[in-house]
Amino acid sequence: MNKHAPDDVLIKKVYLELTQRCNLNCTSCFRQNWDFPQTQMSEDVFLRCLDGLKNTASLEEIVLGGIGEPTIHPKFAEWVRMLPDVKLTVTTNAFAWSEEVVELLAERFHRVVVSVDGLEAEFKLIRNFELGILEKNVARLIEARKHKNRHEPFLYAQIVISEYNVEDVGMLIKRLAKLGIMKIILSNLLPQNMEDKDKILYTIYENPRMKEYRQEWLNIAMSNQIQLKFPNIQLKTERRCNFVYDGTMTINSDGNIAPCYRFAHPSVEYVFGRRKQVYSFTYGNVKDKEIDEIWNSRLYTDLRLQNLRNRFPSCPDCDLVDACDYVNDSLCDCNGQNPSCADCLWTRDFVQCI
């Protein structure tokens, strides 16, 4: 049983990254900024994770995801069958599912989340494969689910919205509903390069254009009986780190434990046009320490309590943002806290994860 500080949270959800490798090379992927080898989880790291997960009594869900495509790990099927009996979710590109993978998804998973970036032209441009392939694979999964007389896995689609695909979204909602998708999660573009920094749809101040789109898309979703989760479209005072509030931990393919997706890997962000270097920030490795020991370490606990109580600055609407050096990277905020969550687009609900 995990001990925790007053007002702290227990471990409820773990993002488990089996691999950083992928069978695609999407233009919008964080991996486009990487200049280091992509790792794949080894047997010894997985077994250490497995021991920790089985000993975490508060655990409710494991999400197989991360930067890579989890279904391509050679041990995917074997390891899934070894995981503790909690809800399993997988985030996948649905590009190349073997029969074994389809049967396993239909048999063991609570949710399957597929990434869809637009209709045929935009999807092909970003993913470099045909949207029809994804649709056929989802149909295979639905058929396998029927044969097993199951309602699960629930099928979700995740769409990253931007100037590139904003005109596709309305039609895409109808198409995904017809396909059998239960829920669509819309997330805003987190620009990785100069070209994309002006393609965002969210604003700091009023956003009448996206309010109109929001109403249009919600009406389409209701008419087609599909759930739609919408991100923020303009900056609001409220800040909420869902990674912290949901009791979430991220375990990378090398066994390092990070508090969230943002700090799991180094990356470049353009936050309202400003370039920001984000560094990975981890609190320990499963090869060296137990999961609950890392979770309850002083620095990790401090970060959670800081977020639970909103004790960190807000950079996007700060009067000094244009003259401040702290916004250039994630190492430290102006209160001296490390790492800095002050410029995080997840906390402002512009960017959403499952």
Protein backbone atom coordinates (compact mmCIF):
# COMPACT_ATOMS: atom_id res chain seq x y z
CA MET A 1 0.00 0.00 0.00
CA ASN A 2 1.42 3.37 -1.06
CA LYS A 3 2.03 6.01 1.57
CA HIS A 4 1.42 9.56 0.48
CA ALA A 5 1.56 13.11 1.77
CA PRO A 6 -1.63 14.89 2.82
CA ASP A 7 -3.63 16.03 -0.22
CA ASP A 8 -1.41 13.94 -2.50
CA VAL A 9 -2.73 11.28 -4.90
CA LEU A 10 -2.04 7.57 -5.31
CA ILE A 11 -0.83 5.86 -8.48
CA LYS A 12 -3.94 5.12 -10.52
CA LYS A 13 -2.74 5.16 -14.13
CA VAL A 14 0.59 4.20 -15.67
CA TYR A 15 1.67 5.08 -19.20
CA LEU A 16 3.96 2.24 -20.25
CA GLU A 17 6.11 2.90 -23.31
CA LEU A 18 7.13 -0.43 -24.81
CA THR A 19 9.07 1.15 -27.65
CA GLN A 20 10.14 4.47 -29.12
CA ARG A 21 10.32 2.89 -32.56
CA CYS A 22 7.53 3.11 -35.09
CA ASN A 23 6.46 1.61 -38.41
CA LEU A 24 5.60 5.13 -39.63
CA ASN A 25 7.41 8.46 -39.85
CA CYS A 26 4.63 11.01 -39.31
CA THR A 27 5.47 14.63 -40.05
CA SER A 28 3.95 15.87 -36.77
CA CYS A 29 5.68 13.36 -34.48
CA PHE A 30 7.99 14.42 -31.63
CA ARG A 31 10.55 11.99 -33.05
CA GLN A 32 11.20 14.44 -35.91
CA ASN A 33 13.25 16.52 -33.46
CA TRP A 34 15.23 13.58 -32.07
CA ASP A 35 18.89 13.09 -32.93
CA PHE A 36 19.45 10.06 -30.68
CA PRO A 37 18.68 6.34 -31.08
CA GLN A 38 15.15 5.17 -30.25
CA THR A 39 15.09 2.47 -27.60
CA GLN A 40 12.89 -0.58 -27.18
CA MET A 41 11.97 -2.01 -23.77
CA SER A 42 14.10 -4.99 -22.76
CA GLU A 43 12.93 -8.08 -20.91
CA ASP A 44 14.64 -7.12 -17.66
CA VAL A 45 13.12 -3.63 -17.67
CA PHE A 46 9.65 -5.02 -18.40
CA LEU A 47 9.89 -7.60 -15.61
CA ARG A 48 10.92 -4.88 -13.15
CA CYS A 49 7.94 -2.81 -14.30
CA LEU A 50 5.68 -5.84 -13.99
CA ASP A 51 6.71 -6.47 -10.38
CA GLY A 52 6.06 -2.84 -9.49
CA LEU A 53 2.70 -2.71 -11.26
CA LYS A 54 1.50 -5.91 -9.58
CA ASN A 55 2.46 -4.49 -6.18
CA THR A 56 0.59 -1.21 -6.73
CA ALA A 57 -2.77 -1.83 -5.07
CA SER A 58 -4.23 1.53 -6.17
CA LEU A 59 -3.51 0.92 -9.88
CA GLU A 60 -6.63 1.15 -12.09
CA GLU A 61 -5.34 1.44 -15.65
CA ILE A 62 -2.28 0.82 -17.81
CA VAL A 63 -1.96 2.77 -21.07
CA LEU A 64 0.38 1.23 -23.62
CA GLY A 65 1.55 4.23 -25.57
CA GLY A 66 4.28 6.81 -25.70
CA ILE A 67 6.16 8.00 -28.75
CA GLY A 68 6.50 4.67 -30.57
CA GLU A 69 3.93 2.17 -31.87
CA PRO A 70 3.39 -0.38 -29.06
CA THR A 71 1.96 -3.14 -31.27
CA ILE A 72 5.23 -3.55 -33.18
CA HIS A 73 7.20 -4.62 -30.12
CA PRO A 74 8.10 -8.30 -30.71
CA LYS A 75 6.93 -9.15 -27.17
CA PHE A 76 3.68 -7.16 -27.36
CA ALA A 77 1.27 -10.12 -27.19
CA GLU A 78 3.31 -12.05 -24.64
CA TRP A 79 3.73 -9.10 -22.30
CA VAL A 80 0.11 -7.94 -22.54
CA ARG A 81 -0.99 -11.33 -21.25
CA MET A 82 1.35 -10.92 -18.26
CA LEU A 83 0.04 -7.52 -17.14
CA PRO A 84 -2.06 -7.26 -13.96
CA ASP A 85 -5.84 -7.47 -14.21
CA VAL A 86 -6.60 -3.76 -14.58
CA LYS A 87 -8.09 -1.75 -17.44
CA LEU A 88 -5.80 -1.77 -20.47
CA THR A 89 -5.70 0.99 -23.08
CA VAL A 90 -3.51 1.16 -26.17
CA THR A 91 -2.80 4.15 -28.40
CA THR A 92 -2.00 2.96 -31.91
CA ASN A 93 -1.70 4.11 -35.51
CA ALA A 94 -3.73 1.04 -36.64
CA PHE A 95 -1.48 0.65 -39.67
CA ALA A 96 -0.32 -2.97 -39.57
CA TRP A 97 -2.28 -5.16 -37.17
CA SER A 98 -1.58 -8.88 -37.41
CA GLU A 99 -4.37 -11.37 -36.73
CA GLU A 100 -2.81 -12.06 -33.34
CA VAL A 101 -2.86 -8.36 -32.46
CA VAL A 102 -6.50 -7.94 -33.54
CA GLU A 103 -7.56 -10.98 -31.46
CA LEU A 104 -5.62 -9.71 -28.45
CA LEU A 105 -7.11 -6.21 -28.70
CA ALA A 106 -10.61 -7.71 -28.87
CA GLU A 107 -9.97 -10.07 -25.99
CA ARG A 108 -8.01 -8.07 -23.39
CA PHE A 109 -8.35 -4.31 -23.88
CA HIS A 110 -10.74 -1.81 -22.35
CA ARG A 111 -10.00 0.97 -24.86
CA VAL A 112 -8.25 1.19 -28.22
CA VAL A 113 -7.34 4.71 -29.33
CA VAL A 114 -6.46 5.30 -32.99
CA SER A 115 -4.85 8.45 -34.36
CA VAL A 116 -6.67 10.11 -37.26
CA ASP A 117 -5.35 13.37 -38.70
CA GLY A 118 -7.88 14.18 -41.42
CA LEU A 119 -9.58 12.92 -44.54
CA GLU A 120 -7.70 11.09 -47.31
CA ALA A 121 -5.38 13.84 -48.57
CA GLU A 122 -4.34 15.24 -45.19
CA PHE A 123 -4.12 11.80 -43.58
CA LYS A 124 -1.82 10.55 -46.37
CA LEU A 125 0.31 13.70 -46.16
CA ILE A 126 0.95 13.28 -42.42
CA ARG A 127 0.87 9.48 -42.02
CA ASN A 128 2.05 8.36 -45.47
CA PHE A 129 -0.53 5.56 -45.67
CA GLU A 130 -4.13 5.39 -46.77
CA LEU A 131 -6.98 6.25 -44.40
CA GLY A 132 -8.83 3.26 -45.84
CA ILE A 133 -6.24 0.91 -44.30
CA LEU A 134 -7.00 2.27 -40.84
CA GLU A 135 -10.73 1.93 -41.47
CA LYS A 136 -10.37 -1.70 -42.57
CA ASN A 137 -8.32 -2.55 -39.49
CA VAL A 138 -10.85 -0.92 -37.17
CA ALA A 139 -13.59 -2.91 -38.92
CA ARG A 140 -11.57 -6.11 -38.33
CA LEU A 141 -11.37 -5.28 -34.63
CA ILE A 142 -15.11 -4.61 -34.40
CA GLU A 143 -15.81 -7.96 -36.07
CA ALA A 144 -13.45 -9.76 -33.68
CA ARG A 145 -15.15 -8.06 -30.75
CA LYS A 146 -18.55 -9.28 -31.98
CA HIS A 147 -17.30 -12.85 -32.25
CA LYS A 148 -16.23 -12.70 -28.63
CA ASN A 149 -19.62 -11.21 -27.57
CA ARG A 150 -17.87 -8.25 -25.98
CA HIS A 151 -18.74 -4.55 -25.85
CA GLU A 152 -15.09 -3.75 -25.18
CA PRO A 153 -12.68 -2.50 -26.29
CA PHE A 154 -14.35 0.88 -26.63
CA LEU A 155 -13.01 2.55 -29.76
CA TYR A 156 -11.72 6.11 -29.52
CA ALA A 157 -10.20 8.34 -32.19
CA GLN A 158 -7.75 11.13 -31.46
CA ILE A 159 -7.54 14.07 -33.88
CA VAL A 160 -4.88 16.79 -33.65
CA ILE A 161 -6.60 19.87 -35.03
CA SER A 162 -4.79 22.69 -36.83
CA GLU A 163 -5.02 24.89 -39.90
CA TYR A 164 -3.95 21.83 -41.87
CA ASN A 165 -7.15 19.86 -41.23
CA VAL A 166 -9.73 22.21 -39.69
CA GLU A 167 -11.94 21.94 -42.78
CA ASP A 168 -11.89 18.12 -42.57
CA VAL A 169 -13.11 17.77 -38.99
CA GLY A 170 -16.87 18.03 -39.55
CA MET A 171 -16.91 15.35 -42.24
CA LEU A 172 -14.42 13.26 -40.26
CA ILE A 173 -16.75 13.19 -37.24
CA LYS A 174 -19.53 11.73 -39.43
CA ARG A 175 -17.17 9.22 -40.98
CA LEU A 176 -15.73 8.01 -37.69
CA ALA A 177 -19.23 7.65 -36.20
CA LYS A 178 -20.26 5.51 -39.17
CA LEU A 179 -17.10 3.44 -38.72
CA GLY A 180 -18.09 2.54 -35.15
CA ILE A 181 -15.91 4.92 -33.13
CA MET A 182 -17.49 5.66 -29.75
CA LYS A 183 -15.63 8.86 -28.81
CA ILE A 184 -13.42 11.45 -30.50
CA ILE A 185 -10.77 13.34 -28.55
CA LEU A 186 -9.77 16.60 -30.21
CA SER A 187 -6.35 17.95 -29.26
CA ASN A 188 -4.63 21.05 -30.52
CA LEU A 189 -1.39 21.07 -32.45
CA LEU A 190 1.75 21.46 -30.35
CA PRO A 191 4.12 22.94 -32.96
CA GLN A 192 7.51 21.29 -33.28
CA ASN A 193 8.98 23.60 -35.92
CA MET A 194 8.86 27.09 -37.39
CA GLU A 195 6.54 26.05 -40.20
CA ASP A 196 3.85 24.80 -37.82
CA LYS A 197 3.97 27.62 -35.26
CA ASP A 198 1.42 29.68 -37.21
CA LYS A 199 -0.92 26.72 -37.82
CA ILE A 200 -2.44 26.61 -34.33
CA LEU A 201 -6.17 27.22 -33.85
CA TYR A 202 -6.08 28.36 -30.19
CA THR A 203 -5.54 31.90 -28.95
CA ILE A 204 -4.66 33.79 -25.79
CA TYR A 205 -7.66 36.09 -26.08
CA GLU A 206 -11.08 35.82 -27.75
CA ASN A 207 -11.51 33.12 -30.39
CA PRO A 208 -14.85 33.65 -32.18
CA ARG A 209 -13.81 31.55 -35.19
CA MET A 210 -13.20 28.40 -33.14
CA LYS A 211 -16.32 28.99 -31.07
CA GLU A 212 -18.31 28.69 -34.29
CA TYR A 213 -16.44 25.52 -35.26
CA ARG A 214 -16.99 24.11 -31.79
CA GLN A 215 -20.75 24.59 -32.02
CA GLU A 216 -20.84 23.15 -35.54
CA TRP A 217 -18.81 20.07 -34.55
CA LEU A 218 -20.81 19.47 -31.38
CA ASN A 219 -24.04 19.57 -33.39
CA ILE A 220 -22.61 17.08 -35.89
CA ALA A 221 -21.45 14.81 -33.07
CA MET A 222 -24.85 14.83 -31.38
CA SER A 223 -26.63 14.18 -34.68
CA ASN A 224 -24.37 11.19 -35.30
CA GLN A 225 -24.51 9.89 -31.71
CA ILE A 226 -20.80 10.09 -31.04
CA GLN A 227 -19.06 11.61 -28.02
CA LEU A 228 -16.74 14.56 -28.65
CA LYS A 229 -14.14 15.82 -26.18
CA PHE A 230 -13.10 19.36 -27.04
CA PRO A 231 -9.87 21.14 -25.96
CA ASN A 232 -9.64 24.73 -24.83
CA ILE A 233 -9.55 27.19 -27.71
CA GLN A 234 -8.49 30.27 -25.75
CA LEU A 235 -6.45 30.80 -22.62
CA LYS A 236 -8.39 30.45 -19.38
CA THR A 237 -7.41 31.16 -15.80
CA GLU A 238 -7.98 27.56 -14.72
CA ARG A 239 -4.96 25.28 -14.74
CA ARG A 240 -5.16 21.54 -14.20
CA CYS A 241 -2.48 18.94 -14.78
CA ASN A 242 -4.47 15.81 -15.60
CA PHE A 243 -1.32 13.73 -15.29
CA VAL A 244 -1.12 14.73 -11.63
CA TYR A 245 -4.83 14.82 -10.79
CA ASP A 246 -5.36 11.39 -12.37
CA GLY A 247 -2.51 9.86 -10.37
CA THR A 248 -0.46 9.19 -13.50
CA MET A 249 3.09 7.98 -13.93
CA THR A 250 5.01 7.56 -17.20
CA ILE A 251 7.56 4.76 -17.63
CA ASN A 252 9.78 5.12 -20.67
CA SER A 253 11.06 2.22 -22.75
CA ASP A 254 14.41 2.46 -20.95
CA GLY A 255 12.75 2.23 -17.52
CA ASN A 256 13.03 5.89 -16.55
CA ILE A 257 10.03 7.30 -14.70
CA ALA A 258 8.73 10.74 -15.70
CA PRO A 259 5.70 12.61 -14.34
CA CYS A 260 4.06 13.11 -17.75
CA TYR A 261 4.43 12.78 -21.51
CA ARG A 262 5.92 16.26 -21.77
CA PHE A 263 8.91 15.47 -19.57
CA ALA A 264 9.33 11.90 -20.76
CA HIS A 265 11.52 12.92 -23.72
CA PRO A 266 13.39 16.00 -24.92
CA SER A 267 11.51 18.04 -27.50
CA VAL A 268 11.06 21.48 -29.02
CA GLU A 269 7.81 23.38 -28.53
CA TYR A 270 6.54 26.60 -30.05
CA VAL A 271 4.28 28.16 -27.42
CA PHE A 272 2.26 30.94 -29.05
CA GLY A 273 5.16 31.41 -31.47
CA ARG A 274 7.93 31.29 -28.86
CA ARG A 275 10.53 28.54 -29.28
CA LYS A 276 11.00 26.47 -26.12
CA GLN A 277 13.49 23.67 -25.48
CA VAL A 278 11.90 21.00 -23.31
CA TYR A 279 14.27 18.64 -21.51
CA SER A 280 13.41 15.20 -20.24
CA PHE A 281 12.97 15.06 -16.47
CA THR A 282 12.87 11.75 -14.66
CA TYR A 283 12.87 10.73 -11.00
CA GLY A 284 14.52 7.33 -11.17
CA ASN A 285 14.72 4.06 -13.07
CA VAL A 286 12.85 0.82 -12.35
CA LYS A 287 16.15 -1.07 -12.62
CA ASP A 288 17.47 0.79 -9.57
CA LYS A 289 14.40 1.50 -7.41
CA GLU A 290 10.88 0.26 -6.79
CA ILE A 291 8.03 2.13 -8.49
CA ASP A 292 6.43 3.25 -5.24
CA GLU A 293 9.81 4.38 -3.88
CA ILE A 294 10.26 6.66 -6.89
CA TRP A 295 6.66 7.90 -6.70
CA ASN A 296 7.06 8.80 -3.02
CA SER A 297 10.46 10.46 -3.39
CA ARG A 298 10.62 14.01 -2.09
CA LEU A 299 11.19 15.74 -5.45
CA TYR A 300 8.41 13.81 -7.21
CA THR A 301 6.00 14.49 -4.33
CA ASP A 302 6.92 18.19 -4.40
CA LEU A 303 6.08 18.41 -8.11
CA ARG A 304 2.66 16.79 -7.58
CA LEU A 305 1.78 19.02 -4.64
CA GLN A 306 2.93 22.09 -6.57
CA ASN A 307 0.55 21.19 -9.38
CA LEU A 308 -2.33 20.10 -7.17
CA ARG A 309 -2.21 23.52 -5.48
CA ASN A 310 -1.36 25.54 -8.61
CA ARG A 311 1.81 26.87 -7.04
CA PHE A 312 3.59 27.73 -10.25
CA PRO A 313 3.69 30.77 -12.58
CA SER A 314 1.65 31.27 -15.75
CA CYS A 315 3.91 32.28 -18.65
CA PRO A 316 1.53 32.76 -21.62
CA ASP A 317 -0.33 35.71 -20.05
CA CYS A 318 2.55 37.13 -18.00
CA ASP A 319 3.33 40.82 -18.62
CA LEU A 320 7.06 40.04 -18.68
CA VAL A 321 6.97 37.10 -21.10
CA ASP A 322 8.64 38.98 -23.96
CA ALA A 323 11.63 39.95 -21.79
CA CYS A 324 12.02 36.77 -19.76
CA ASP A 325 14.74 34.14 -20.21
CA TYR A 326 12.92 31.46 -18.20
CA VAL A 327 10.50 30.83 -21.07
CA ASN A 328 13.31 29.65 -23.36
CA ASP A 329 13.46 26.19 -21.78
CA SER A 330 11.82 23.95 -19.19
CA LEU A 331 14.70 23.80 -16.72
CA CYS A 332 13.38 26.27 -14.15
CA ASP A 333 10.56 28.75 -13.61
CA CYS A 334 10.84 32.23 -12.07
CA ASN A 335 10.04 30.80 -8.64
CA GLY A 336 13.12 28.57 -8.84
CA GLN A 337 11.10 25.37 -9.33
CA ASN A 338 12.57 22.60 -11.46
CA PRO A 339 11.25 21.50 -13.92
CA SER A 340 9.03 24.33 -15.11
CA CYS A 341 5.34 23.63 -15.72
CA ALA A 342 4.60 27.34 -16.19
CA ASP A 343 4.34 27.22 -20.00
CA CYS A 344 2.67 23.81 -20.34
CA LEU A 345 -0.08 23.58 -22.95
CA TRP A 346 -1.38 20.34 -21.39
CA THR A 347 -2.03 22.17 -18.11
CA ARG A 348 -4.09 24.78 -20.00
CA ASP A 349 -6.00 21.97 -21.76
CA PHE A 350 -4.95 23.01 -25.24
CA VAL A 351 -3.27 19.63 -25.68
CA GLN A 352 -5.10 16.52 -24.51
CA CYS A 353 -4.13 12.89 -23.97
CA ILE A 354 -6.21 9.82 -23.34
